[in-house]
N, C-alpha and C. Protein backbone atom coordinates (compact mmCIF):
# COMPACT_ATOMS: atom_id res chain seq x y z
N MET A 1 91.68 146.48 144.81
CA MET A 1 92.97 145.39 144.55
C MET A 1 93.82 145.04 145.88
N ALA A 2 94.83 145.87 146.14
CA ALA A 2 95.43 146.45 147.09
C ALA A 2 94.82 146.33 148.34
N ASN A 3 94.34 145.59 148.73
CA ASN A 3 93.61 144.98 149.55
C ASN A 3 93.44 143.44 149.64
N CYS A 4 93.22 142.59 149.02
CA CYS A 4 93.70 141.44 148.91
C CYS A 4 94.13 141.42 147.66
N PRO A 5 95.56 140.69 147.76
CA PRO A 5 96.18 139.81 146.76
C PRO A 5 96.10 139.47 146.25
N GLU A 6 94.86 138.45 147.01
CA GLU A 6 94.67 137.70 145.81
C GLU A 6 93.78 137.36 144.64
N LEU A 7 93.36 138.70 144.45
CA LEU A 7 92.61 139.76 143.01
C LEU A 7 94.01 139.97 142.86
N THR A 8 94.94 140.58 143.07
CA THR A 8 94.77 140.85 142.47
C THR A 8 97.03 139.70 141.10
N THR A 9 96.52 138.45 141.70
CA THR A 9 97.13 137.81 141.71
C THR A 9 96.19 136.27 140.39
N LEU A 10 95.30 136.71 141.12
CA LEU A 10 93.84 136.35 139.81
C LEU A 10 94.03 137.59 138.42
N ALA A 11 93.77 138.58 138.48
CA ALA A 11 93.32 139.31 137.40
C ALA A 11 94.76 139.56 136.91
N GLU A 12 96.01 139.10 137.88
CA GLU A 12 97.41 139.05 136.18
C GLU A 12 96.96 137.70 134.63
N HIS A 13 96.71 136.61 136.09
CA HIS A 13 96.15 135.73 134.84
C HIS A 13 95.42 135.47 134.06
N VAL A 14 94.60 135.89 134.02
CA VAL A 14 93.39 136.59 133.75
C VAL A 14 93.93 137.29 132.15
N ARG A 15 94.46 138.71 133.43
CA ARG A 15 95.23 139.40 131.90
C ARG A 15 95.91 138.41 130.94
N SER A 16 97.37 137.92 131.37
CA SER A 16 98.05 136.95 130.40
C SER A 16 96.83 135.78 130.10
N PHE A 17 96.16 135.01 130.03
CA PHE A 17 94.92 134.29 129.54
C PHE A 17 94.64 135.49 128.16
N ALA A 18 94.40 135.85 128.05
CA ALA A 18 92.94 137.21 128.03
C ALA A 18 94.40 137.46 126.39
N HIS A 19 95.44 137.98 127.10
CA HIS A 19 96.76 138.13 125.93
C HIS A 19 96.62 137.05 124.90
N MET A 20 96.67 135.48 125.13
CA MET A 20 97.04 134.01 124.68
C MET A 20 96.00 134.13 123.75
N LEU A 21 94.35 135.02 123.52
CA LEU A 21 93.20 134.64 123.67
C LEU A 21 93.48 136.03 122.58
N THR A 22 93.39 136.42 122.39
CA THR A 22 93.56 138.21 121.23
C THR A 22 94.63 137.75 120.52
N ASN A 23 96.10 137.13 120.93
CA ASN A 23 96.81 137.00 120.08
C ASN A 23 97.22 135.90 119.25
N LEU A 24 96.10 134.84 119.62
CA LEU A 24 96.21 133.71 119.38
C LEU A 24 98.05 132.58 119.63
N GLN A 25 98.01 132.85 120.56
CA GLN A 25 99.46 132.49 121.47
C GLN A 25 99.10 130.93 122.28
N GLY A 26 97.94 130.46 120.96
CA GLY A 26 97.84 129.00 121.82
C GLY A 26 99.42 127.88 122.26
N ASP A 27 100.85 127.99 121.94
CA ASP A 27 101.70 127.97 122.24
C ASP A 27 102.35 127.59 123.76
N ARG A 28 101.59 129.12 124.03
CA ARG A 28 102.03 129.29 125.68
C ARG A 28 101.05 129.17 126.32
N LEU A 29 100.31 128.13 126.14
CA LEU A 29 99.14 127.77 127.16
C LEU A 29 99.31 126.45 127.93
N PRO A 30 100.35 125.84 127.32
CA PRO A 30 100.86 125.00 128.58
C PRO A 30 101.89 125.41 129.91
N GLU A 31 102.54 126.54 129.89
CA GLU A 31 103.03 127.44 130.83
C GLU A 31 102.17 128.07 131.76
N TRP A 32 101.72 128.11 131.09
CA TRP A 32 100.12 129.19 132.15
C TRP A 32 99.63 128.31 132.75
N ILE A 33 98.99 127.57 132.23
CA ILE A 33 98.12 126.29 133.38
C ILE A 33 98.99 125.70 134.41
N GLU A 34 100.74 125.60 134.11
CA GLU A 34 101.76 125.52 134.74
C GLU A 34 101.44 126.67 135.50
N ALA A 35 101.48 128.02 135.76
CA ALA A 35 101.49 128.72 136.88
C ALA A 35 100.66 128.96 137.57
N ALA A 36 98.83 128.39 136.63
CA ALA A 36 97.82 128.95 137.50
C ALA A 36 97.21 127.98 138.36
N SER A 37 98.01 126.14 138.02
CA SER A 37 97.89 125.31 138.92
C SER A 37 98.81 125.49 140.22
N ALA A 38 100.01 126.43 139.60
CA ALA A 38 101.30 126.08 140.75
C ALA A 38 100.18 127.55 141.77
N THR A 39 99.35 128.41 142.26
CA THR A 39 98.96 128.85 142.24
C THR A 39 98.41 128.73 143.56
N THR A 40 98.36 128.35 145.49
CA THR A 40 96.89 127.75 146.23
C THR A 40 96.17 128.51 146.78
N GLU A 41 96.66 129.68 146.74
CA GLU A 41 95.62 130.88 147.06
C GLU A 41 94.04 130.66 146.50
N LEU A 42 94.56 130.38 145.09
CA LEU A 42 93.57 130.05 144.19
C LEU A 42 92.65 129.50 143.57
N PRO A 43 92.33 128.61 144.98
CA PRO A 43 91.55 126.63 144.25
C PRO A 43 90.41 126.97 142.84
N SER A 44 89.91 127.96 142.67
CA SER A 44 89.18 127.97 141.72
C SER A 44 89.58 128.32 140.62
N LEU A 45 90.90 128.99 140.53
CA LEU A 45 91.66 129.60 139.32
C LEU A 45 92.04 127.56 138.73
N ARG A 46 92.87 127.19 139.62
CA ARG A 46 94.04 126.07 139.79
C ARG A 46 93.02 124.78 139.02
N HIS A 47 91.26 124.56 139.65
CA HIS A 47 90.40 124.15 139.00
C HIS A 47 90.74 124.09 137.75
N PHE A 48 90.22 124.91 137.09
CA PHE A 48 90.20 125.95 135.58
C PHE A 48 91.06 125.27 134.53
N ALA A 49 92.66 125.65 135.54
CA ALA A 49 93.56 125.70 134.62
C ALA A 49 94.17 123.45 134.55
N GLN A 50 93.34 122.55 135.69
CA GLN A 50 93.78 121.33 134.55
C GLN A 50 92.61 121.17 134.42
N HIS A 51 91.19 121.60 134.33
CA HIS A 51 89.89 121.06 133.42
C HIS A 51 90.72 121.99 132.06
N LEU A 52 91.57 122.14 131.62
CA LEU A 52 92.21 123.34 130.33
C LEU A 52 93.35 121.39 129.52
N LEU A 53 93.69 120.27 130.69
CA LEU A 53 94.33 119.56 130.51
C LEU A 53 93.47 118.45 129.87
N ARG A 54 92.74 117.74 130.43
CA ARG A 54 91.38 117.35 130.17
C ARG A 54 91.58 117.25 127.88
N ASP A 55 91.32 117.98 127.53
CA ASP A 55 91.07 117.71 126.50
C ASP A 55 92.33 119.02 125.49
N LEU A 56 93.70 118.88 126.23
CA LEU A 56 94.71 119.83 125.82
C LEU A 56 94.75 120.79 124.31
N ASP A 57 94.95 119.48 123.27
CA ASP A 57 95.16 119.38 122.07
C ASP A 57 93.84 120.21 121.40
N ALA A 58 93.03 120.10 121.97
CA ALA A 58 91.81 121.02 121.49
C ALA A 58 91.57 122.72 121.65
N VAL A 59 91.94 122.68 123.54
CA VAL A 59 92.05 124.26 123.81
C VAL A 59 93.56 124.49 123.14
N THR A 60 94.59 123.91 122.49
CA THR A 60 95.45 125.20 122.31
C THR A 60 95.28 124.55 121.01
N ALA A 61 94.56 124.26 120.03
CA ALA A 61 94.28 124.49 118.07
C ALA A 61 92.70 126.16 118.38
N GLY A 62 92.09 126.40 119.62
CA GLY A 62 90.86 127.18 119.69
C GLY A 62 91.66 128.34 119.86
N LEU A 63 93.23 127.77 120.58
CA LEU A 63 94.07 129.45 121.03
C LEU A 63 94.55 129.52 120.11
N THR A 64 95.13 129.35 118.65
CA THR A 64 96.30 128.90 118.37
C THR A 64 95.47 129.55 116.58
N LEU A 65 94.51 129.25 116.08
CA LEU A 65 94.18 128.95 115.12
C LEU A 65 92.67 129.76 114.95
N PRO A 66 92.75 130.65 113.22
CA PRO A 66 92.20 131.80 112.82
C PRO A 66 90.83 131.30 113.17
N TRP A 67 90.03 129.96 112.95
CA TRP A 67 88.33 129.41 112.76
C TRP A 67 88.39 129.74 113.81
N ASN A 68 87.25 130.03 114.06
CA ASN A 68 86.24 129.16 114.41
C ASN A 68 84.23 129.43 114.12
N SER A 69 83.80 128.89 115.18
CA SER A 69 82.86 128.92 114.88
C SER A 69 81.33 129.44 115.42
N GLY A 70 81.75 130.45 115.21
CA GLY A 70 80.63 131.84 115.88
C GLY A 70 79.71 132.12 114.70
N VAL A 71 79.56 132.13 113.57
CA VAL A 71 78.44 131.59 112.51
C VAL A 71 77.80 130.55 112.92
N VAL A 72 78.09 129.52 113.14
CA VAL A 72 77.24 128.12 113.59
C VAL A 72 76.29 128.66 115.05
N GLU A 73 77.42 129.01 116.48
CA GLU A 73 76.77 129.28 117.65
C GLU A 73 75.77 130.30 117.71
N ASP A 74 75.75 131.00 116.43
CA ASP A 74 74.77 132.88 116.56
C ASP A 74 73.46 131.43 116.08
N HIS A 75 72.90 131.04 114.69
CA HIS A 75 72.35 130.03 114.02
C HIS A 75 71.62 129.25 115.65
N VAL A 76 72.45 128.39 116.34
CA VAL A 76 71.81 127.39 117.56
C VAL A 76 71.44 128.74 118.24
N ASN A 77 71.38 129.58 118.29
CA ASN A 77 71.45 130.67 119.63
C ASN A 77 69.98 131.41 119.10
N ARG A 78 69.99 131.60 117.91
CA ARG A 78 69.23 132.38 117.70
C ARG A 78 67.43 131.16 117.71
N ILE A 79 68.14 129.96 117.05
CA ILE A 79 66.74 129.04 117.52
C ILE A 79 66.42 128.26 118.35
N LYS A 80 67.40 128.97 119.28
CA LYS A 80 67.10 128.23 121.31
C LYS A 80 66.51 129.05 121.27
N MET A 81 66.66 130.31 120.96
CA MET A 81 65.59 131.74 121.61
C MET A 81 63.76 131.96 120.92
N LEU A 82 64.19 131.01 119.31
CA LEU A 82 62.67 131.10 119.07
C LEU A 82 61.86 129.48 120.24
N LYS A 83 63.06 128.76 120.51
CA LYS A 83 61.55 127.74 121.09
C LYS A 83 61.39 128.28 122.20
N ARG A 84 62.36 129.13 122.65
CA ARG A 84 62.43 129.79 124.45
C ARG A 84 61.15 130.51 124.37
N GLN A 85 60.83 130.98 123.17
CA GLN A 85 59.60 131.77 123.24
C GLN A 85 58.54 130.95 122.40
N MET A 86 58.59 129.86 122.20
CA MET A 86 57.00 128.95 121.71
C MET A 86 56.76 128.32 122.62
N PHE A 87 58.21 127.82 123.75
CA PHE A 87 57.44 127.03 125.19
C PHE A 87 55.95 126.48 124.78
N GLY A 88 56.16 125.14 125.01
CA GLY A 88 54.87 124.94 125.18
C GLY A 88 53.24 125.85 124.47
N ARG A 89 53.43 126.83 123.49
CA ARG A 89 52.23 126.74 122.78
C ARG A 89 51.66 126.43 121.89
N ALA A 90 52.87 126.71 121.18
CA ALA A 90 52.12 125.15 119.99
C ALA A 90 53.87 124.14 119.77
N GLY A 91 53.68 123.47 118.55
CA GLY A 91 54.26 122.07 118.54
C GLY A 91 55.38 121.92 117.35
N PHE A 92 55.99 121.05 117.29
CA PHE A 92 57.88 121.30 116.58
C PHE A 92 56.95 121.73 114.88
N GLU A 93 56.16 121.38 113.60
CA GLU A 93 55.57 122.12 112.80
C GLU A 93 55.90 123.57 112.46
N VAL A 94 54.81 124.36 113.50
CA VAL A 94 55.59 125.20 114.48
C VAL A 94 56.80 126.11 114.07
N LEU A 95 57.12 125.78 115.06
CA LEU A 95 58.51 126.04 115.57
C LEU A 95 59.85 125.61 114.37
N ARG A 96 59.14 124.41 113.61
CA ARG A 96 59.92 124.47 112.16
C ARG A 96 60.44 125.17 110.45
N LYS A 97 59.00 126.39 110.80
CA LYS A 97 58.31 127.16 109.88
C LYS A 97 58.27 128.50 110.56
N ARG A 98 58.19 128.38 112.15
CA ARG A 98 59.00 129.95 112.03
C ARG A 98 60.83 130.15 111.43
N VAL A 99 61.14 128.96 111.79
CA VAL A 99 62.88 129.10 111.60
C VAL A 99 63.56 129.47 110.50
N LEU A 100 62.40 128.39 110.16
CA LEU A 100 62.70 128.67 108.01
C LEU A 100 62.61 129.91 107.24
N LEU A 101 61.69 130.42 107.89
CA LEU A 101 60.89 131.99 107.84
C LEU A 101 61.99 132.96 108.02
N ALA A 102 62.14 132.99 109.02
CA ALA A 102 62.53 134.48 109.64
C ALA A 102 64.00 134.20 109.17
């Protein structure tokens, strides 16, 4: 990172975002977006920060509230995995039985 100052800047922004995420400090998100948008040498980070502004309320809630949809996402991921395993081999009825019996 000593040879690439852009990587140092990017690492600082990623660390601060990770700290905000792990400590549920969503109220600091506008400050982070402003700082990340000000980086001219990192267009990808600036683009990411600007996209967070599209639904700022939802992102702030996700970074602030202790609840998440992890359990639901786990079930969706499992069903998608079963569907991929059976692709082209069986119809909906077999997939339905496999999901319900698993």
